[in-house]
């Protein structure tokens, strides 16, 4: 029998008790994430109309973890437009967050 190692002396976290699964906190978290969505398709946690790929990825992650079936063509277009015409990205971070966001939306990455 294999013993489970304690994490910093604590029991392993139980997803059922994760705060986002509680009713009011879950609703407020979803509401906050949706307020961060910009008209251009991305998300901005400053709640301005200045989206960026990392905020977009984390916004989509929040919605995904909360069980929201989020579908938005503007967000897909925003993330796909981060890719250059030759198929490259201007930075590894831009590529990472764009691709991860598209995967959360279950959309393919542009194959230019």
PDB file of N, CA and C in Angstrom:
ATOM      1  N   UNK A   1       0.839  -1.177   0.000  1.00  0.00           N
ATOM      2  CA  UNK A   1       0.000   0.000   0.000  1.00  0.00           C
ATOM      3  C   UNK A   1       0.889   1.247   0.000  1.00  0.00           C
ATOM      4  N   UNK A   2       0.602   2.163  -0.903  1.00  0.00           N
ATOM      5  CA  UNK A   2       1.385   3.391  -1.019  1.00  0.00           C
ATOM      6  C   UNK A   2       0.724   4.477  -0.189  1.00  0.00           C
ATOM      7  N   UNK A   3       1.525   5.108   0.652  1.00  0.00           N
ATOM      8  CA  UNK A   3       0.998   6.207   1.460  1.00  0.00           C
ATOM      9  C   UNK A   3       1.047   7.496   0.661  1.00  0.00           C
ATOM     10  N   UNK A   4       0.004   8.281   0.757  1.00  0.00           N
ATOM     11  CA  UNK A   4       0.003   9.588   0.114  1.00  0.00           C
ATOM     12  C   UNK A   4       0.790  10.555   0.974  1.00  0.00           C
ATOM     13  N   UNK A   5       1.626  11.345   0.324  1.00  0.00           N
ATOM     14  CA  UNK A   5       2.401  12.335   1.054  1.00  0.00           C
ATOM     15  C   UNK A   5       1.515  13.519   1.403  1.00  0.00           C
ATOM     16  N   UNK A   6       1.704  14.020   2.583  1.00  0.00           N
ATOM     17  CA  UNK A   6       0.954  15.204   3.002  1.00  0.00           C
ATOM     18  C   UNK A   6       1.555  16.437   2.351  1.00  0.00           C
ATOM     19  N   UNK A   7       0.728  17.342   1.956  1.00  0.00           N
ATOM     20  CA  UNK A   7       1.170  18.593   1.352  1.00  0.00           C
ATOM     21  C   UNK A   7       1.326  19.614   2.460  1.00  0.00           C
ATOM     22  N   UNK A   8       2.566  19.924   2.799  1.00  0.00           N
ATOM     23  CA  UNK A   8       2.877  20.858   3.884  1.00  0.00           C
ATOM     24  C   UNK A   8       2.168  20.470   5.180  1.00  0.00           C
ATOM     25  N   UNK A   9       2.068  19.181   5.401  1.00  0.00           N
ATOM     26  CA  UNK A   9       1.451  18.706   6.627  1.00  0.00           C
ATOM     27  C   UNK A   9      -0.070  18.712   6.592  1.00  0.00           C
ATOM     28  N   UNK A  10      -0.646  19.079   5.460  1.00  0.00           N
ATOM     29  CA  UNK A  10      -2.105  19.129   5.339  1.00  0.00           C
ATOM     30  C   UNK A  10      -2.586  17.993   4.452  1.00  0.00           C
ATOM     31  N   UNK A  11      -3.837  17.686   4.558  1.00  0.00           N
ATOM     32  CA  UNK A  11      -4.414  16.690   3.664  1.00  0.00           C
ATOM     33  C   UNK A  11      -4.493  17.272   2.261  1.00  0.00           C
ATOM     34  N   UNK A  12      -4.626  16.398   1.281  1.00  0.00           N
ATOM     35  CA  UNK A  12      -4.761  16.868  -0.095  1.00  0.00           C
ATOM     36  C   UNK A  12      -6.034  17.691  -0.230  1.00  0.00           C
ATOM     37  N   UNK A  13      -5.990  18.746  -1.057  1.00  0.00           N
ATOM     38  CA  UNK A  13      -7.192  19.557  -1.235  1.00  0.00           C
ATOM     39  C   UNK A  13      -8.299  18.748  -1.895  1.00  0.00           C
ATOM     40  N   UNK A  14      -9.508  19.022  -1.511  1.00  0.00           N
ATOM     41  CA  UNK A  14     -10.662  18.342  -2.069  1.00  0.00           C
ATOM     42  C   UNK A  14     -11.418  19.343  -2.936  1.00  0.00           C
ATOM     43  N   UNK A  15     -11.545  19.045  -4.213  1.00  0.00           N
ATOM     44  CA  UNK A  15     -12.164  19.969  -5.151  1.00  0.00           C
ATOM     45  C   UNK A  15     -13.594  20.314  -4.744  1.00  0.00           C
ATOM     46  N   UNK A  16     -14.283  19.402  -4.092  1.00  0.00           N
ATOM     47  CA  UNK A  16     -15.662  19.683  -3.689  1.00  0.00           C
ATOM     48  C   UNK A  16     -15.748  20.875  -2.749  1.00  0.00           C
ATOM     49  N   UNK A  17     -14.689  21.132  -2.007  1.00  0.00           N
ATOM     50  CA  UNK A  17     -14.704  22.221  -1.044  1.00  0.00           C
ATOM     51  C   UNK A  17     -13.978  23.457  -1.540  1.00  0.00           C
ATOM     52  N   UNK A  18     -13.574  23.440  -2.804  1.00  0.00           N
ATOM     53  CA  UNK A  18     -12.920  24.608  -3.370  1.00  0.00           C
ATOM     54  C   UNK A  18     -13.924  25.746  -3.373  1.00  0.00           C
ATOM     55  N   UNK A  19     -13.543  26.950  -2.934  1.00  0.00           N
ATOM     56  CA  UNK A  19     -14.507  28.047  -2.781  1.00  0.00           C
ATOM     57  C   UNK A  19     -15.321  28.371  -4.029  1.00  0.00           C
ATOM     58  N   UNK A  20     -14.751  28.161  -5.209  1.00  0.00           N
ATOM     59  CA  UNK A  20     -15.474  28.515  -6.430  1.00  0.00           C
ATOM     60  C   UNK A  20     -16.699  27.629  -6.638  1.00  0.00           C
ATOM     61  N   UNK A  21     -16.766  26.497  -5.941  1.00  0.00           N
ATOM     62  CA  UNK A  21     -17.920  25.623  -6.088  1.00  0.00           C
ATOM     63  C   UNK A  21     -19.073  26.023  -5.176  1.00  0.00           C
ATOM     64  N   UNK A  22     -18.851  26.988  -4.282  1.00  0.00           N
ATOM     65  CA  UNK A  22     -19.947  27.438  -3.433  1.00  0.00           C
ATOM     66  C   UNK A  22     -20.794  28.429  -4.220  1.00  0.00           C
ATOM     67  N   UNK A  23     -22.070  28.461  -3.969  1.00  0.00           N
ATOM     68  CA  UNK A  23     -23.026  29.219  -4.756  1.00  0.00           C
ATOM     69  C   UNK A  23     -22.729  30.690  -4.973  1.00  0.00           C
ATOM     70  N   UNK A  24     -22.747  31.487  -3.916  1.00  0.00           N
ATOM     71  CA  UNK A  24     -22.605  32.934  -4.053  1.00  0.00           C
ATOM     72  C   UNK A  24     -21.235  33.329  -4.584  1.00  0.00           C
ATOM     73  N   UNK A  25     -20.187  32.723  -4.074  1.00  0.00           N
ATOM     74  CA  UNK A  25     -18.840  33.051  -4.537  1.00  0.00           C
ATOM     75  C   UNK A  25     -18.669  32.674  -6.003  1.00  0.00           C
ATOM     76  N   UNK A  26     -19.227  31.545  -6.379  1.00  0.00           N
ATOM     77  CA  UNK A  26     -19.150  31.111  -7.773  1.00  0.00           C
ATOM     78  C   UNK A  26     -19.856  32.115  -8.678  1.00  0.00           C
ATOM     79  N   UNK A  27     -21.045  32.540  -8.293  1.00  0.00           N
ATOM     80  CA  UNK A  27     -21.793  33.517  -9.089  1.00  0.00           C
ATOM     81  C   UNK A  27     -21.028  34.831  -9.222  1.00  0.00           C
ATOM     82  N   UNK A  28     -20.456  35.294  -8.118  1.00  0.00           N
ATOM     83  CA  UNK A  28     -19.703  36.555  -8.149  1.00  0.00           C
ATOM     84  C   UNK A  28     -18.436  36.433  -8.990  1.00  0.00           C
ATOM     85  N   UNK A  29     -17.804  35.284  -8.932  1.00  0.00           N
ATOM     86  CA  UNK A  29     -16.595  35.062  -9.720  1.00  0.00           C
ATOM     87  C   UNK A  29     -16.919  35.085 -11.205  1.00  0.00           C
ATOM     88  N   UNK A  30     -17.987  34.415 -11.590  1.00  0.00           N
ATOM     89  CA  UNK A  30     -18.417  34.398 -12.994  1.00  0.00           C
ATOM     90  C   UNK A  30     -18.809  35.809 -13.431  1.00  0.00           C
ATOM     91  N   UNK A  31     -19.547  36.502 -12.586  1.00  0.00           N
ATOM     92  CA  UNK A  31     -19.971  37.872 -12.895  1.00  0.00           C
ATOM     93  C   UNK A  31     -18.758  38.781 -13.103  1.00  0.00           C
ATOM     94  N   UNK A  32     -17.763  38.655 -12.232  1.00  0.00           N
ATOM     95  CA  UNK A  32     -16.553  39.468 -12.359  1.00  0.00           C
ATOM     96  C   UNK A  32     -15.827  39.161 -13.670  1.00  0.00           C
ATOM     97  N   UNK A  33     -15.662  37.880 -13.971  1.00  0.00           N
ATOM     98  CA  UNK A  33     -14.967  37.498 -15.205  1.00  0.00           C
ATOM     99  C   UNK A  33     -15.700  38.047 -16.425  1.00  0.00           C
ATOM    100  N   UNK A  34     -17.015  37.988 -16.418  1.00  0.00           N
ATOM    101  CA  UNK A  34     -17.785  38.481 -17.562  1.00  0.00           C
ATOM    102  C   UNK A  34     -17.713  40.007 -17.679  1.00  0.00           C
ATOM    103  N   UNK A  35     -17.581  40.707 -16.552  1.00  0.00           N
ATOM    104  CA  UNK A  35     -17.419  42.164 -16.596  1.00  0.00           C
ATOM    105  C   UNK A  35     -16.082  42.550 -17.220  1.00  0.00           C
ATOM    106  N   UNK A  36     -15.130  41.644 -17.180  1.00  0.00           N
ATOM    107  CA  UNK A  36     -13.797  41.911 -17.723  1.00  0.00           C
ATOM    108  C   UNK A  36     -13.716  41.674 -19.224  1.00  0.00           C
ATOM    109  N   UNK A  37     -14.777  41.143 -19.814  1.00  0.00           N
ATOM    110  CA  UNK A  37     -14.774  40.886 -21.249  1.00  0.00           C
ATOM    111  C   UNK A  37     -14.946  42.198 -22.003  1.00  0.00           C
ATOM    112  N   UNK A  38     -14.082  42.399 -22.973  1.00  0.00           N
ATOM    113  CA  UNK A  38     -14.108  43.617 -23.784  1.00  0.00           C
ATOM    114  C   UNK A  38     -14.912  43.386 -25.062  1.00  0.00           C
ATOM    115  N   UNK A  39     -15.388  44.462 -25.642  1.00  0.00           N
ATOM    116  CA  UNK A  39     -16.159  44.358 -26.884  1.00  0.00           C
ATOM    117  C   UNK A  39     -15.336  43.742 -28.009  1.00  0.00           C
ATOM    118  N   UNK A  40     -14.028  43.979 -27.985  1.00  0.00           N
ATOM    119  CA  UNK A  40     -13.154  43.454 -29.026  1.00  0.00           C
ATOM    120  C   UNK A  40     -12.891  41.966 -28.927  1.00  0.00           C
ATOM    121  N   UNK A  41     -13.389  41.321 -27.880  1.00  0.00           N
ATOM    122  CA  UNK A  41     -13.266  39.876 -27.760  1.00  0.00           C
ATOM    123  C   UNK A  41     -12.370  39.398 -26.645  1.00  0.00           C
ATOM    124  N   UNK A  42     -11.359  40.167 -26.281  1.00  0.00           N
ATOM    125  CA  UNK A  42     -10.460  39.749 -25.216  1.00  0.00           C
ATOM    126  C   UNK A  42     -10.997  40.127 -23.849  1.00  0.00           C
ATOM    127  N   UNK A  43     -10.184  39.877 -22.837  1.00  0.00           N
ATOM    128  CA  UNK A  43     -10.533  40.223 -21.462  1.00  0.00           C
ATOM    129  C   UNK A  43      -9.475  41.169 -20.917  1.00  0.00           C
ATOM    130  N   UNK A  44      -9.887  42.039 -19.997  1.00  0.00           N
ATOM    131  CA  UNK A  44      -8.971  42.942 -19.320  1.00  0.00           C
ATOM    132  C   UNK A  44      -9.416  43.041 -17.865  1.00  0.00           C
ATOM    133  N   UNK A  45      -8.578  42.598 -16.936  1.00  0.00           N
ATOM    134  CA  UNK A  45      -8.966  42.586 -15.531  1.00  0.00           C
ATOM    135  C   UNK A  45      -9.001  43.964 -14.893  1.00  0.00           C
ATOM    136  N   UNK A  46      -8.540  44.981 -15.613  1.00  0.00           N
ATOM    137  CA  UNK A  46      -8.711  46.349 -15.128  1.00  0.00           C
ATOM    138  C   UNK A  46     -10.085  46.877 -15.509  1.00  0.00           C
ATOM    139  N   UNK A  47     -10.840  46.066 -16.220  1.00  0.00           N
ATOM    140  CA  UNK A  47     -12.172  46.393 -16.718  1.00  0.00           C
ATOM    141  C   UNK A  47     -12.139  47.635 -17.598  1.00  0.00           C
ATOM    142  N   UNK A  48     -11.097  47.725 -18.397  1.00  0.00           N
ATOM    143  CA  UNK A  48     -10.971  48.762 -19.412  1.00  0.00           C
ATOM    144  C   UNK A  48     -11.153  48.096 -20.765  1.00  0.00           C
ATOM    145  N   UNK A  49     -11.173  48.870 -21.799  1.00  0.00           N
ATOM    146  CA  UNK A  49     -11.272  48.307 -23.144  1.00  0.00           C
ATOM    147  C   UNK A  49      -9.857  48.129 -23.706  1.00  0.00           C
ATOM    148  N   UNK A  50      -9.007  47.430 -22.930  1.00  0.00           N
ATOM    149  CA  UNK A  50      -7.620  47.171 -23.322  1.00  0.00           C
ATOM    150  C   UNK A  50      -7.293  45.701 -23.076  1.00  0.00           C
ATOM    151  N   UNK A  51      -7.865  44.806 -23.880  1.00  0.00           N
ATOM    152  CA  UNK A  51      -7.652  43.381 -23.629  1.00  0.00           C
ATOM    153  C   UNK A  51      -6.207  42.957 -23.873  1.00  0.00           C
ATOM    154  N   UNK A  52      -5.819  41.877 -23.233  1.00  0.00           N
ATOM    155  CA  UNK A  52      -4.522  41.264 -23.495  1.00  0.00           C
ATOM    156  C   UNK A  52      -4.687  39.751 -23.404  1.00  0.00           C
ATOM    157  N   UNK A  53      -3.730  39.040 -23.956  1.00  0.00           N
ATOM    158  CA  UNK A  53      -3.890  37.589 -24.069  1.00  0.00           C
ATOM    159  C   UNK A  53      -3.834  36.869 -22.725  1.00  0.00           C
ATOM    160  N   UNK A  54      -3.020  37.340 -21.795  1.00  0.00           N
ATOM    161  CA  UNK A  54      -2.958  36.638 -20.506  1.00  0.00           C
ATOM    162  C   UNK A  54      -4.262  36.817 -19.733  1.00  0.00           C
ATOM    163  N   UNK A  55      -4.797  38.031 -19.686  1.00  0.00           N
ATOM    164  CA  UNK A  55      -6.086  38.238 -19.017  1.00  0.00           C
ATOM    165  C   UNK A  55      -7.186  37.441 -19.707  1.00  0.00           C
ATOM    166  N   UNK A  56      -7.110  37.348 -21.029  1.00  0.00           N
ATOM    167  CA  UNK A  56      -8.112  36.582 -21.774  1.00  0.00           C
ATOM    168  C   UNK A  56      -8.030  35.107 -21.401  1.00  0.00           C
ATOM    169  N   UNK A  57      -6.823  34.564 -21.362  1.00  0.00           N
ATOM    170  CA  UNK A  57      -6.658  33.163 -20.976  1.00  0.00           C
ATOM    171  C   UNK A  57      -7.183  32.925 -19.556  1.00  0.00           C
ATOM    172  N   UNK A  58      -6.814  33.792 -18.619  1.00  0.00           N
ATOM    173  CA  UNK A  58      -7.249  33.583 -17.236  1.00  0.00           C
ATOM    174  C   UNK A  58      -8.757  33.782 -17.090  1.00  0.00           C
ATOM    175  N   UNK A  59      -9.332  34.711 -17.830  1.00  0.00           N
ATOM    176  CA  UNK A  59     -10.784  34.877 -17.816  1.00  0.00           C
ATOM    177  C   UNK A  59     -11.486  33.622 -18.325  1.00  0.00           C
ATOM    178  N   UNK A  60     -10.968  33.072 -19.415  1.00  0.00           N
ATOM    179  CA  UNK A  60     -11.539  31.838 -19.961  1.00  0.00           C
ATOM    180  C   UNK A  60     -11.346  30.672 -18.993  1.00  0.00           C
ATOM    181  N   UNK A  61     -10.212  30.647 -18.302  1.00  0.00           N
ATOM    182  CA  UNK A  61      -9.956  29.588 -17.318  1.00  0.00           C
ATOM    183  C   UNK A  61     -10.945  29.660 -16.163  1.00  0.00           C
ATOM    184  N   UNK A  62     -11.202  30.873 -15.687  1.00  0.00           N
ATOM    185  CA  UNK A  62     -12.176  31.053 -14.605  1.00  0.00           C
ATOM    186  C   UNK A  62     -13.537  30.528 -15.039  1.00  0.00           C
ATOM    187  N   UNK A  63     -13.962  30.909 -16.223  1.00  0.00           N
ATOM    188  CA  UNK A  63     -15.267  30.469 -16.713  1.00  0.00           C
ATOM    189  C   UNK A  63     -15.299  28.955 -16.894  1.00  0.00           C
ATOM    190  N   UNK A  64     -14.216  28.402 -17.418  1.00  0.00           N
ATOM    191  CA  UNK A  64     -14.137  26.960 -17.626  1.00  0.00           C
ATOM    192  C   UNK A  64     -14.184  26.204 -16.303  1.00  0.00           C
ATOM    193  N   UNK A  65     -13.397  26.642 -15.325  1.00  0.00           N
ATOM    194  CA  UNK A  65     -13.387  25.987 -14.014  1.00  0.00           C
ATOM    195  C   UNK A  65     -14.721  26.126 -13.289  1.00  0.00           C
ATOM    196  N   UNK A  66     -15.452  27.183 -13.617  1.00  0.00           N
ATOM    197  CA  UNK A  66     -16.751  27.420 -12.987  1.00  0.00           C
ATOM    198  C   UNK A  66     -17.879  26.684 -13.698  1.00  0.00           C
ATOM    199  N   UNK A  67     -17.546  25.980 -14.767  1.00  0.00           N
ATOM    200  CA  UNK A  67     -18.547  25.192 -15.476  1.00  0.00           C
ATOM    201  C   UNK A  67     -19.364  25.977 -16.483  1.00  0.00           C
ATOM    202  N   UNK A  68     -18.898  27.164 -16.861  1.00  0.00           N
ATOM    203  CA  UNK A  68     -19.617  27.991 -17.830  1.00  0.00           C
ATOM    204  C   UNK A  68     -19.219  27.550 -19.238  1.00  0.00           C
ATOM    205  N   UNK A  69     -20.206  27.295 -20.073  1.00  0.00           N
ATOM    206  CA  UNK A  69     -19.951  26.933 -21.467  1.00  0.00           C
ATOM    207  C   UNK A  69     -19.882  28.230 -22.272  1.00  0.00           C
ATOM    208  N   UNK A  70     -18.717  28.871 -22.241  1.00  0.00           N
ATOM    209  CA  UNK A  70     -18.534  30.181 -22.866  1.00  0.00           C
ATOM    210  C   UNK A  70     -18.180  30.002 -24.331  1.00  0.00           C
ATOM    211  N   UNK A  71     -18.958  30.626 -25.189  1.00  0.00           N
ATOM    212  CA  UNK A  71     -18.699  30.598 -26.631  1.00  0.00           C
ATOM    213  C   UNK A  71     -18.848  32.013 -27.158  1.00  0.00           C
ATOM    214  N   UNK A  72     -17.799  32.496 -27.802  1.00  0.00           N
ATOM    215  CA  UNK A  72     -17.850  33.850 -28.326  1.00  0.00           C
ATOM    216  C   UNK A  72     -16.904  33.958 -29.514  1.00  0.00           C
ATOM    217  N   UNK A  73     -17.462  34.232 -30.677  1.00  0.00           N
ATOM    218  CA  UNK A  73     -16.647  34.332 -31.888  1.00  0.00           C
ATOM    219  C   UNK A  73     -15.675  35.506 -31.830  1.00  0.00           C
ATOM    220  N   UNK A  74     -16.061  36.600 -31.152  1.00  0.00           N
ATOM    221  CA  UNK A  74     -15.148  37.740 -31.026  1.00  0.00           C
ATOM    222  C   UNK A  74     -13.891  37.365 -30.246  1.00  0.00           C
ATOM    223  N   UNK A  75     -14.048  36.541 -29.212  1.00  0.00           N
ATOM    224  CA  UNK A  75     -12.894  36.111 -28.423  1.00  0.00           C
ATOM    225  C   UNK A  75     -12.004  35.194 -29.253  1.00  0.00           C
ATOM    226  N   UNK A  76     -12.615  34.305 -30.019  1.00  0.00           N
ATOM    227  CA  UNK A  76     -11.844  33.429 -30.908  1.00  0.00           C
ATOM    228  C   UNK A  76     -11.057  34.273 -31.908  1.00  0.00           C
ATOM    229  N   UNK A  77     -11.729  35.233 -32.536  1.00  0.00           N
ATOM    230  CA  UNK A  77     -11.057  36.099 -33.509  1.00  0.00           C
ATOM    231  C   UNK A  77      -9.932  36.895 -32.861  1.00  0.00           C
ATOM    232  N   UNK A  78     -10.180  37.408 -31.651  1.00  0.00           N
ATOM    233  CA  UNK A  78      -9.156  38.172 -30.940  1.00  0.00           C
ATOM    234  C   UNK A  78      -7.898  37.320 -30.747  1.00  0.00           C
ATOM    235  N   UNK A  79      -8.079  36.091 -30.276  1.00  0.00           N
ATOM    236  CA  UNK A  79      -6.927  35.223 -30.020  1.00  0.00           C
ATOM    237  C   UNK A  79      -6.246  34.778 -31.316  1.00  0.00           C
ATOM    238  N   UNK A  80      -7.029  34.468 -32.326  1.00  0.00           N
ATOM    239  CA  UNK A  80      -6.438  34.043 -33.601  1.00  0.00           C
ATOM    240  C   UNK A  80      -5.670  35.178 -34.272  1.00  0.00           C
ATOM    241  N   UNK A  81      -6.111  36.402 -34.066  1.00  0.00           N
ATOM    242  CA  UNK A  81      -5.438  37.548 -34.679  1.00  0.00           C
ATOM    243  C   UNK A  81      -4.103  37.881 -34.022  1.00  0.00           C
ATOM    244  N   UNK A  82      -3.767  37.210 -32.941  1.00  0.00           N
ATOM    245  CA  UNK A  82      -2.463  37.419 -32.310  1.00  0.00           C
ATOM    246  C   UNK A  82      -1.352  36.773 -33.131  1.00  0.00           C
ATOM    247  N   UNK A  83      -1.729  35.841 -33.990  1.00  0.00           N
ATOM    248  CA  UNK A  83      -0.748  35.141 -34.816  1.00  0.00           C
ATOM    249  C   UNK A  83      -0.427  35.983 -36.048  1.00  0.00           C
ATOM    250  N   UNK A  84       0.851  36.060 -36.380  1.00  0.00           N
ATOM    251  CA  UNK A  84       1.304  36.815 -37.548  1.00  0.00           C
ATOM    252  C   UNK A  84       0.921  36.078 -38.829  1.00  0.00           C
ATOM    253  N   UNK A  85       0.988  36.776 -39.943  1.00  0.00           N
ATOM    254  CA  UNK A  85       0.653  36.180 -41.243  1.00  0.00           C
ATOM    255  C   UNK A  85       1.503  34.954 -41.567  1.00  0.00           C
ATOM    256  N   UNK A  86       2.773  34.968 -41.132  1.00  0.00           N
ATOM    257  CA  UNK A  86       3.663  33.843 -41.433  1.00  0.00           C
ATOM    258  C   UNK A  86       3.511  32.684 -40.444  1.00  0.00           C
ATOM    259  N   UNK A  87       2.553  32.796 -39.516  1.00  0.00           N
ATOM    260  CA  UNK A  87       2.292  31.728 -38.555  1.00  0.00           C
ATOM    261  C   UNK A  87       3.012  31.891 -37.230  1.00  0.00           C
ATOM    262  N   UNK A  88       3.883  32.878 -37.137  1.00  0.00           N
ATOM    263  CA  UNK A  88       4.641  33.093 -35.904  1.00  0.00           C
ATOM    264  C   UNK A  88       3.866  34.003 -34.952  1.00  0.00           C
ATOM    265  N   UNK A  89       4.423  34.169 -33.773  1.00  0.00           N
ATOM    266  CA  UNK A  89       3.897  35.100 -32.774  1.00  0.00           C
ATOM    267  C   UNK A  89       5.025  36.049 -32.402  1.00  0.00           C
ATOM    268  N   UNK A  90       4.683  37.231 -31.943  1.00  0.00           N
ATOM    269  CA  UNK A  90       5.713  38.218 -31.611  1.00  0.00           C
ATOM    270  C   UNK A  90       6.460  37.872 -30.325  1.00  0.00           C
ATOM    271  N   UNK A  91       5.886  37.005 -29.488  1.00  0.00           N
ATOM    272  CA  UNK A  91       6.582  36.566 -28.278  1.00  0.00           C
ATOM    273  C   UNK A  91       6.072  35.190 -27.868  1.00  0.00           C
ATOM    274  N   UNK A  92       6.871  34.513 -27.086  1.00  0.00           N
ATOM    275  CA  UNK A  92       6.483  33.188 -26.594  1.00  0.00           C
ATOM    276  C   UNK A  92       5.272  33.292 -25.668  1.00  0.00           C
ATOM    277  N   UNK A  93       5.174  34.383 -24.926  1.00  0.00           N
ATOM    278  CA  UNK A  93       4.046  34.576 -24.010  1.00  0.00           C
ATOM    279  C   UNK A  93       2.744  34.771 -24.774  1.00  0.00           C
ATOM    280  N   UNK A  94       2.810  35.558 -25.822  1.00  0.00           N
ATOM    281  CA  UNK A  94       1.639  35.790 -26.665  1.00  0.00           C
ATOM    282  C   UNK A  94       1.178  34.471 -27.284  1.00  0.00           C
ATOM    283  N   UNK A  95       2.131  33.685 -27.747  1.00  0.00           N
ATOM    284  CA  UNK A  95       1.802  32.381 -28.333  1.00  0.00           C
ATOM    285  C   UNK A  95       1.163  31.469 -27.288  1.00  0.00           C
ATOM    286  N   UNK A  96       1.774  31.398 -26.112  1.00  0.00           N
ATOM    287  CA  UNK A  96       1.282  30.511 -25.059  1.00  0.00           C
ATOM    288  C   UNK A  96      -0.160  30.839 -24.679  1.00  0.00           C
ATOM    289  N   UNK A  97      -0.413  32.098 -24.330  1.00  0.00           N
ATOM    290  CA  UNK A  97      -1.750  32.466 -23.862  1.00  0.00           C
ATOM    291  C   UNK A  97      -2.788  32.408 -24.979  1.00  0.00           C
ATOM    292  N   UNK A  98      -2.392  32.721 -26.198  1.00  0.00           N
ATOM    293  CA  UNK A  98      -3.330  32.642 -27.320  1.00  0.00           C
ATOM    294  C   UNK A  98      -3.733  31.195 -27.588  1.00  0.00           C
ATOM    295  N   UNK A  99      -2.748  30.325 -27.657  1.00  0.00           N
ATOM    296  CA  UNK A  99      -3.022  28.920 -27.957  1.00  0.00           C
ATOM    297  C   UNK A  99      -3.798  28.264 -26.818  1.00  0.00           C
ATOM    298  N   UNK A 100      -3.396  28.528 -25.573  1.00  0.00           N
ATOM    299  CA  UNK A 100      -4.119  27.952 -24.435  1.00  0.00           C
ATOM    300  C   UNK A 100      -5.567  28.458 -24.386  1.00  0.00           C
ATOM    301  N   UNK A 101      -5.771  29.731 -24.702  1.00  0.00           N
ATOM    302  CA  UNK A 101      -7.123  30.282 -24.735  1.00  0.00           C
ATOM    303  C   UNK A 101      -7.974  29.622 -25.806  1.00  0.00           C
ATOM    304  N   UNK A 102      -7.379  29.425 -26.981  1.00  0.00           N
ATOM    305  CA  UNK A 102      -8.113  28.761 -28.062  1.00  0.00           C
ATOM    306  C   UNK A 102      -8.440  27.316 -27.698  1.00  0.00           C
ATOM    307  N   UNK A 103      -7.534  26.659 -26.997  1.00  0.00           N
ATOM    308  CA  UNK A 103      -7.814  25.288 -26.561  1.00  0.00           C
ATOM    309  C   UNK A 103      -8.976  25.253 -25.569  1.00  0.00           C
ATOM    310  N   UNK A 104      -9.039  26.247 -24.680  1.00  0.00           N
ATOM    311  CA  UNK A 104     -10.171  26.310 -23.750  1.00  0.00           C
ATOM    312  C   UNK A 104     -11.485  26.535 -24.492  1.00  0.00           C
ATOM    313  N   UNK A 105     -11.406  27.264 -25.594  1.00  0.00           N
ATOM    314  CA  UNK A 105     -12.593  27.508 -26.414  1.00  0.00           C
ATOM    315  C   UNK A 105     -12.850  26.368 -27.399  1.00  0.00           C
ATOM    316  N   UNK A 106     -11.976  25.363 -27.335  1.00  0.00           N
ATOM    317  CA  UNK A 106     -12.072  24.197 -28.217  1.00  0.00           C
ATOM    318  C   UNK A 106     -12.028  24.601 -29.690  1.00  0.00           C
ATOM    319  N   UNK A 107     -11.123  25.525 -29.987  1.00  0.00           N
ATOM    320  CA  UNK A 107     -10.940  25.992 -31.361  1.00  0.00           C
ATOM    321  C   UNK A 107      -9.515  25.707 -31.807  1.00  0.00           C
ATOM    322  N   UNK A 108      -9.365  25.470 -33.077  1.00  0.00           N
ATOM    323  CA  UNK A 108      -8.046  25.188 -33.639  1.00  0.00           C
ATOM    324  C   UNK A 108      -7.251  26.477 -33.797  1.00  0.00           C
ATOM    325  N   UNK A 109      -5.957  26.337 -33.714  1.00  0.00           N
ATOM    326  CA  UNK A 109      -5.050  27.452 -33.937  1.00  0.00           C
ATOM    327  C   UNK A 109      -4.910  27.640 -35.440  1.00  0.00           C
ATOM    328  N   UNK A 110      -4.746  28.886 -35.878  1.00  0.00           N
ATOM    329  CA  UNK A 110      -4.565  29.158 -37.309  1.00  0.00           C
ATOM    330  C   UNK A 110      -3.364  28.403 -37.850  1.00  0.00           C
ATOM    331  N   UNK A 111      -3.532  27.792 -38.977  1.00  0.00           N
ATOM    332  CA  UNK A 111      -2.418  27.151 -39.681  1.00  0.00           C
ATOM    333  C   UNK A 111      -2.154  27.948 -40.940  1.00  0.00           C
ATOM    334  N   UNK A 112      -1.457  29.038 -40.772  1.00  0.00           N
ATOM    335  CA  UNK A 112      -1.208  29.914 -41.924  1.00  0.00           C
ATOM    336  C   UNK A 112      -0.008  29.465 -42.691  1.00  0.00           C
TER     337      UNK A 112
END
